[in-house]
Amino acid sequence: MLKDSPLTVQVRLIGVLASAAGKREIELEVPGPETVAGFVSRLLETVGNRQFKDFLVDSGTGDPRPNVIILLDEQDCNLFGGLKALVQPKTTVTIIPVAHGG
């Protein structure tokens, strides 16, 4: 992968996600615009770590949103359609775990 390639996306992982992935930043090649849902699947394949998947995705629904906030260039993806929002090449995706109390 080439740094700053027009078909890459920078991923920043915060907290337990960085610990589970073993790194704070990942650069992913993308074929072009891709939905957040598709991008999350690509990220899970790239990291290939069960603990990372458990932290990222809700096991009952397969939806990452109860567990994390996903930012596209520092803005919540839910402002742009949630899992249907498009991740464009050169986007910075930041994934922040959410702590829940009960």
N, C-alpha and C. Protein backbone atom coordinates (compact mmCIF):
# COMPACT_ATOMS: atom_id res chain seq x y z
N MET A 1 0.83 -1.18 0.00
CA MET A 1 0.00 0.00 0.00
C MET A 1 0.87 1.25 0.00
N LEU A 2 0.47 2.23 -0.74
CA LEU A 2 1.21 3.47 -0.80
C LEU A 2 0.58 4.50 0.13
N LYS A 3 1.40 5.13 0.93
CA LYS A 3 0.92 6.18 1.82
C LYS A 3 0.30 7.28 0.97
N ASP A 4 -0.86 7.76 1.38
CA ASP A 4 -1.58 8.83 0.69
C ASP A 4 -2.01 8.46 -0.73
N SER A 5 -2.13 7.19 -1.01
CA SER A 5 -2.65 6.75 -2.30
C SER A 5 -4.10 7.23 -2.42
N PRO A 6 -4.56 7.60 -3.62
CA PRO A 6 -5.92 8.09 -3.76
C PRO A 6 -6.98 7.03 -3.46
N LEU A 7 -6.60 5.77 -3.39
CA LEU A 7 -7.57 4.72 -3.11
C LEU A 7 -7.32 4.08 -1.75
N THR A 8 -6.91 4.87 -0.79
CA THR A 8 -6.73 4.36 0.56
C THR A 8 -7.58 5.16 1.54
N VAL A 9 -7.87 4.52 2.65
CA VAL A 9 -8.61 5.15 3.75
C VAL A 9 -7.77 4.96 5.01
N GLN A 10 -7.57 6.02 5.76
CA GLN A 10 -6.88 5.95 7.04
C GLN A 10 -7.90 5.60 8.11
N VAL A 11 -7.61 4.62 8.94
CA VAL A 11 -8.48 4.23 10.04
C VAL A 11 -7.75 4.51 11.34
N ARG A 12 -8.38 5.24 12.22
CA ARG A 12 -7.84 5.50 13.56
C ARG A 12 -8.69 4.74 14.56
N LEU A 13 -8.05 3.91 15.35
CA LEU A 13 -8.73 3.11 16.36
C LEU A 13 -8.42 3.68 17.74
N ILE A 14 -9.44 3.80 18.56
CA ILE A 14 -9.29 4.40 19.89
C ILE A 14 -9.51 3.32 20.96
N GLY A 15 -8.78 3.45 22.06
CA GLY A 15 -8.99 2.62 23.26
C GLY A 15 -8.83 1.14 23.03
N VAL A 16 -9.83 0.37 23.51
CA VAL A 16 -9.75 -1.09 23.44
C VAL A 16 -9.68 -1.61 22.01
N LEU A 17 -10.20 -0.85 21.06
CA LEU A 17 -10.12 -1.28 19.66
C LEU A 17 -8.68 -1.29 19.18
N ALA A 18 -7.92 -0.26 19.56
CA ALA A 18 -6.49 -0.22 19.21
C ALA A 18 -5.74 -1.36 19.88
N SER A 19 -6.07 -1.62 21.13
CA SER A 19 -5.41 -2.72 21.85
C SER A 19 -5.71 -4.06 21.19
N ALA A 20 -6.98 -4.29 20.84
CA ALA A 20 -7.37 -5.56 20.23
C ALA A 20 -6.76 -5.74 18.84
N ALA A 21 -6.65 -4.64 18.09
CA ALA A 21 -6.08 -4.72 16.73
C ALA A 21 -4.56 -4.74 16.75
N GLY A 22 -3.96 -4.31 17.87
CA GLY A 22 -2.51 -4.26 17.96
C GLY A 22 -1.89 -3.04 17.32
N LYS A 23 -2.73 -2.07 16.94
CA LYS A 23 -2.22 -0.81 16.36
C LYS A 23 -3.31 0.25 16.43
N ARG A 24 -2.87 1.49 16.44
CA ARG A 24 -3.80 2.62 16.52
C ARG A 24 -4.27 3.10 15.15
N GLU A 25 -3.48 2.84 14.13
CA GLU A 25 -3.83 3.29 12.78
C GLU A 25 -3.63 2.17 11.77
N ILE A 26 -4.56 2.10 10.84
CA ILE A 26 -4.50 1.12 9.76
C ILE A 26 -4.80 1.87 8.47
N GLU A 27 -4.07 1.57 7.43
CA GLU A 27 -4.36 2.14 6.12
C GLU A 27 -4.92 1.03 5.25
N LEU A 28 -6.15 1.22 4.75
CA LEU A 28 -6.81 0.21 3.94
C LEU A 28 -6.96 0.68 2.51
N GLU A 29 -6.68 -0.20 1.57
CA GLU A 29 -6.98 0.09 0.17
C GLU A 29 -8.46 -0.17 -0.05
N VAL A 30 -9.09 0.69 -0.83
CA VAL A 30 -10.51 0.52 -1.16
C VAL A 30 -10.66 0.59 -2.67
N PRO A 31 -11.66 -0.11 -3.22
CA PRO A 31 -11.85 -0.10 -4.66
C PRO A 31 -12.47 1.21 -5.17
N GLY A 32 -13.04 1.97 -4.27
CA GLY A 32 -13.75 3.20 -4.59
C GLY A 32 -14.69 3.48 -3.43
N PRO A 33 -15.69 4.34 -3.62
CA PRO A 33 -16.64 4.58 -2.53
C PRO A 33 -17.28 3.28 -2.07
N GLU A 34 -17.45 3.16 -0.77
CA GLU A 34 -17.98 1.93 -0.17
C GLU A 34 -18.84 2.33 1.03
N THR A 35 -19.92 1.60 1.27
CA THR A 35 -20.76 1.92 2.44
C THR A 35 -19.98 1.67 3.73
N VAL A 36 -20.42 2.32 4.79
CA VAL A 36 -19.81 2.08 6.10
C VAL A 36 -19.92 0.60 6.45
N ALA A 37 -21.07 -0.02 6.18
CA ALA A 37 -21.24 -1.45 6.48
C ALA A 37 -20.20 -2.29 5.74
N GLY A 38 -20.01 -2.03 4.46
CA GLY A 38 -19.00 -2.76 3.69
C GLY A 38 -17.60 -2.49 4.17
N PHE A 39 -17.35 -1.25 4.55
CA PHE A 39 -16.03 -0.88 5.04
C PHE A 39 -15.73 -1.59 6.36
N VAL A 40 -16.72 -1.67 7.25
CA VAL A 40 -16.53 -2.37 8.53
C VAL A 40 -16.20 -3.84 8.26
N SER A 41 -16.89 -4.46 7.31
CA SER A 41 -16.58 -5.86 6.95
C SER A 41 -15.15 -6.00 6.45
N ARG A 42 -14.73 -5.07 5.61
CA ARG A 42 -13.35 -5.08 5.08
C ARG A 42 -12.34 -4.92 6.22
N LEU A 43 -12.64 -4.03 7.17
CA LEU A 43 -11.76 -3.81 8.31
C LEU A 43 -11.66 -5.07 9.17
N LEU A 44 -12.80 -5.73 9.41
CA LEU A 44 -12.79 -6.97 10.20
C LEU A 44 -11.93 -8.04 9.53
N GLU A 45 -12.04 -8.17 8.22
CA GLU A 45 -11.21 -9.14 7.48
C GLU A 45 -9.73 -8.80 7.59
N THR A 46 -9.42 -7.52 7.50
CA THR A 46 -8.03 -7.08 7.55
C THR A 46 -7.41 -7.34 8.91
N VAL A 47 -8.14 -6.99 9.97
CA VAL A 47 -7.60 -7.19 11.32
C VAL A 47 -7.60 -8.67 11.66
N GLY A 48 -8.67 -9.39 11.29
CA GLY A 48 -8.73 -10.84 11.47
C GLY A 48 -8.61 -11.31 12.90
N ASN A 49 -9.16 -10.55 13.82
CA ASN A 49 -8.99 -10.84 15.24
C ASN A 49 -10.36 -10.94 15.90
N ARG A 50 -10.64 -12.06 16.54
CA ARG A 50 -11.94 -12.28 17.18
C ARG A 50 -12.25 -11.24 18.26
N GLN A 51 -11.26 -10.90 19.07
CA GLN A 51 -11.47 -9.92 20.13
C GLN A 51 -11.85 -8.55 19.54
N PHE A 52 -11.19 -8.16 18.47
CA PHE A 52 -11.51 -6.91 17.79
C PHE A 52 -12.95 -6.93 17.31
N LYS A 53 -13.36 -8.04 16.68
CA LYS A 53 -14.74 -8.16 16.19
C LYS A 53 -15.73 -8.06 17.35
N ASP A 54 -15.43 -8.72 18.47
CA ASP A 54 -16.33 -8.68 19.62
C ASP A 54 -16.49 -7.26 20.17
N PHE A 55 -15.42 -6.48 20.16
CA PHE A 55 -15.51 -5.09 20.62
C PHE A 55 -16.24 -4.20 19.62
N LEU A 56 -16.08 -4.49 18.33
CA LEU A 56 -16.60 -3.62 17.29
C LEU A 56 -18.07 -3.86 16.96
N VAL A 57 -18.47 -5.11 16.84
CA VAL A 57 -19.79 -5.44 16.31
C VAL A 57 -20.67 -6.08 17.38
N ASP A 58 -21.93 -5.63 17.44
CA ASP A 58 -22.90 -6.24 18.35
C ASP A 58 -23.20 -7.66 17.88
N SER A 59 -23.00 -8.64 18.75
CA SER A 59 -23.16 -10.05 18.35
C SER A 59 -24.59 -10.41 17.98
N GLY A 60 -25.57 -9.73 18.55
CA GLY A 60 -26.97 -10.04 18.26
C GLY A 60 -27.46 -9.48 16.94
N THR A 61 -26.97 -8.30 16.57
CA THR A 61 -27.48 -7.63 15.38
C THR A 61 -26.48 -7.54 14.23
N GLY A 62 -25.19 -7.71 14.54
CA GLY A 62 -24.16 -7.53 13.53
C GLY A 62 -23.89 -6.07 13.22
N ASP A 63 -24.51 -5.18 13.97
CA ASP A 63 -24.39 -3.73 13.77
C ASP A 63 -23.32 -3.17 14.71
N PRO A 64 -22.38 -2.40 14.19
CA PRO A 64 -21.35 -1.83 15.08
C PRO A 64 -21.84 -0.65 15.91
N ARG A 65 -22.93 -0.01 15.53
CA ARG A 65 -23.30 1.25 16.16
C ARG A 65 -23.66 1.21 17.64
N PRO A 66 -24.16 0.12 18.19
CA PRO A 66 -24.36 0.15 19.65
C PRO A 66 -23.04 0.17 20.42
N ASN A 67 -21.97 -0.31 19.80
CA ASN A 67 -20.68 -0.46 20.48
C ASN A 67 -19.70 0.67 20.22
N VAL A 68 -19.86 1.35 19.09
CA VAL A 68 -18.87 2.36 18.68
C VAL A 68 -19.54 3.56 18.02
N ILE A 69 -18.79 4.65 17.99
CA ILE A 69 -19.14 5.81 17.17
C ILE A 69 -18.16 5.79 16.00
N ILE A 70 -18.68 5.90 14.80
CA ILE A 70 -17.84 5.90 13.60
C ILE A 70 -17.86 7.30 13.00
N LEU A 71 -16.68 7.90 12.94
CA LEU A 71 -16.55 9.24 12.38
C LEU A 71 -15.94 9.16 10.99
N LEU A 72 -16.51 9.92 10.07
CA LEU A 72 -15.96 10.07 8.72
C LEU A 72 -15.43 11.49 8.63
N ASP A 73 -14.14 11.63 8.54
CA ASP A 73 -13.51 12.95 8.56
C ASP A 73 -14.03 13.79 9.72
N GLU A 74 -14.04 13.18 10.91
CA GLU A 74 -14.39 13.83 12.18
C GLU A 74 -15.87 14.14 12.35
N GLN A 75 -16.75 13.55 11.51
CA GLN A 75 -18.19 13.75 11.65
C GLN A 75 -18.88 12.40 11.75
N ASP A 76 -19.86 12.32 12.65
CA ASP A 76 -20.58 11.07 12.91
C ASP A 76 -21.21 10.55 11.62
N CYS A 77 -20.97 9.29 11.30
CA CYS A 77 -21.52 8.70 10.07
C CYS A 77 -23.04 8.72 10.07
N ASN A 78 -23.66 8.76 11.26
CA ASN A 78 -25.12 8.79 11.33
C ASN A 78 -25.70 10.07 10.73
N LEU A 79 -24.90 11.11 10.61
CA LEU A 79 -25.35 12.35 9.95
C LEU A 79 -25.48 12.17 8.45
N PHE A 80 -24.86 11.11 7.92
CA PHE A 80 -24.82 10.90 6.47
C PHE A 80 -25.49 9.61 6.03
N GLY A 81 -26.31 9.01 6.90
CA GLY A 81 -27.01 7.79 6.51
C GLY A 81 -26.60 6.55 7.27
N GLY A 82 -25.79 6.69 8.31
CA GLY A 82 -25.41 5.54 9.14
C GLY A 82 -24.60 4.52 8.37
N LEU A 83 -25.02 3.27 8.40
CA LEU A 83 -24.29 2.19 7.74
C LEU A 83 -24.34 2.30 6.21
N LYS A 84 -25.28 3.11 5.70
CA LYS A 84 -25.39 3.32 4.25
C LYS A 84 -24.55 4.50 3.77
N ALA A 85 -23.99 5.27 4.71
CA ALA A 85 -23.13 6.39 4.34
C ALA A 85 -21.94 5.87 3.55
N LEU A 86 -21.43 6.68 2.65
CA LEU A 86 -20.30 6.26 1.83
C LEU A 86 -18.97 6.69 2.42
N VAL A 87 -18.05 5.73 2.45
CA VAL A 87 -16.66 6.01 2.81
C VAL A 87 -15.94 6.20 1.48
N GLN A 88 -15.43 7.39 1.28
CA GLN A 88 -14.73 7.73 0.05
C GLN A 88 -13.23 7.47 0.21
N PRO A 89 -12.52 7.16 -0.88
CA PRO A 89 -11.07 7.12 -0.78
C PRO A 89 -10.54 8.44 -0.22
N LYS A 90 -9.47 8.36 0.54
CA LYS A 90 -8.82 9.49 1.21
C LYS A 90 -9.57 9.96 2.46
N THR A 91 -10.67 9.29 2.82
CA THR A 91 -11.38 9.62 4.06
C THR A 91 -10.57 9.13 5.25
N THR A 92 -10.67 9.83 6.36
CA THR A 92 -10.14 9.33 7.63
C THR A 92 -11.33 8.82 8.43
N VAL A 93 -11.29 7.54 8.79
CA VAL A 93 -12.34 6.92 9.59
C VAL A 93 -11.80 6.74 11.00
N THR A 94 -12.49 7.33 11.97
CA THR A 94 -12.12 7.18 13.37
C THR A 94 -13.20 6.35 14.05
N ILE A 95 -12.79 5.32 14.78
CA ILE A 95 -13.75 4.45 15.45
C ILE A 95 -13.50 4.52 16.95
N ILE A 96 -14.53 4.97 17.67
CA ILE A 96 -14.42 5.23 19.11
C ILE A 96 -15.36 4.29 19.86
N PRO A 97 -14.84 3.48 20.78
CA PRO A 97 -15.72 2.61 21.56
C PRO A 97 -16.59 3.44 22.51
N VAL A 98 -17.79 2.92 22.76
CA VAL A 98 -18.74 3.59 23.64
C VAL A 98 -18.84 2.76 24.92
N ALA A 99 -18.72 3.40 26.06
CA ALA A 99 -18.88 2.71 27.35
C ALA A 99 -20.35 2.81 27.76
N HIS A 100 -20.93 1.67 28.12
CA HIS A 100 -22.33 1.64 28.54
C HIS A 100 -22.42 1.28 30.01
N GLY A 101 -23.31 1.92 30.69
CA GLY A 101 -23.61 1.56 32.07
C GLY A 101 -25.00 0.98 32.13
N GLY A 102 -25.33 0.36 33.21
CA GLY A 102 -26.66 -0.23 33.22
C GLY A 102 -27.26 -0.30 34.50
